[in-house]
Protein backbone atom coordinates (compact mmCIF):
# COMPACT_ATOMS: atom_id res chain seq x y z
CA MET A 1 6.79 -13.65 -36.86
CA ALA A 2 9.36 -11.60 -35.00
CA GLN A 3 7.31 -8.77 -34.89
CA SER A 4 3.83 -10.68 -33.09
CA GLU A 5 7.31 -12.35 -30.63
CA GLU A 6 8.02 -8.74 -29.97
CA THR A 7 4.47 -7.57 -29.21
CA THR A 8 3.88 -10.61 -27.37
CA SER A 9 6.94 -10.50 -25.04
CA LYS A 10 5.78 -6.18 -24.34
CA LYS A 11 2.42 -7.41 -23.23
CA MET A 12 3.51 -10.46 -21.26
CA LYS A 13 5.85 -7.92 -19.68
CA LYS A 14 2.75 -5.41 -18.69
CA THR A 15 0.96 -8.14 -17.44
CA THR A 16 3.43 -8.63 -14.92
CA GLU A 17 3.74 -5.93 -14.24
CA HIS A 18 0.44 -5.00 -13.75
CA GLY A 19 0.42 -8.18 -11.15
CA SER A 20 3.36 -7.22 -9.63
CA ILE A 21 1.91 -3.29 -8.49
CA LEU A 22 -1.76 -5.55 -7.14
CA MET A 23 0.16 -7.90 -5.23
CA THR A 24 1.51 -4.73 -3.28
CA ILE A 25 -1.28 -3.78 -2.91
CA GLU A 26 -3.09 -6.36 -0.91
CA ASN A 27 0.09 -6.93 0.45
CA LEU A 28 0.16 -3.41 1.74
CA TYR A 29 -4.12 -3.65 2.43
CA ARG A 30 -3.17 -6.80 4.33
CA LYS A 31 -0.71 -5.63 6.70
CA CYS A 32 -2.91 -2.23 7.75
CA GLU A 33 -5.76 -4.98 7.96
CA LEU A 34 -3.46 -7.05 10.83
CA ARG A 35 -2.48 -2.85 12.25
CA ARG A 36 -6.52 -2.01 12.84
CA ASP A 37 -6.68 -5.42 14.50
CA LEU A 38 -3.87 -5.39 16.50
CA LYS A 39 -4.47 -1.72 18.07
CA SER A 40 -7.37 -0.92 20.89
CA THR A 41 -10.90 0.54 19.76
CA ASN A 42 -9.85 2.56 22.79
CA GLU A 43 -6.86 3.75 21.40
CA ALA A 44 -8.67 4.45 17.93
CA LYS A 45 -10.95 6.78 18.98
CA THR A 46 -8.87 8.38 21.07
CA ALA A 47 -5.77 9.00 18.45
CA ALA A 48 -6.21 12.92 17.70
CA SER A 49 -5.89 13.22 13.73
CA PRO A 50 -3.17 15.68 12.92
CA ARG A 51 -4.03 19.23 12.07
CA ASN A 52 -0.81 20.27 10.55
CA PHE A 53 0.59 17.27 7.73
CA ASP A 54 3.91 19.18 7.46
CA ASN A 55 4.60 18.28 11.29
CA MET A 56 7.13 15.30 11.13
CA GLN A 57 6.90 14.20 14.18
CA LEU A 58 3.53 13.45 14.01
CA SER A 59 3.38 11.88 10.81
CA GLY A 60 5.97 9.57 11.71
CA GLU A 61 3.73 9.19 14.82
CA ASN A 62 0.57 8.23 12.95
CA ALA A 63 2.17 6.02 10.16
CA LEU A 64 3.19 3.54 13.14
CA PHE A 65 -0.46 2.64 14.36
């Protein structure tokens, strides 16, 4: 019986971890959707993709969009 409770506890913990990960992903997705909606379509069309991904300044600026 103790082993059954331990197994159930482990399964519950794993399910909780997966749920937390999924909620985090959904939250990030919603934030990205909101930012995309706020950004004008003209800005999106004129924004150049960074060619040098090692340039931290450009990476930071693009992350803000």
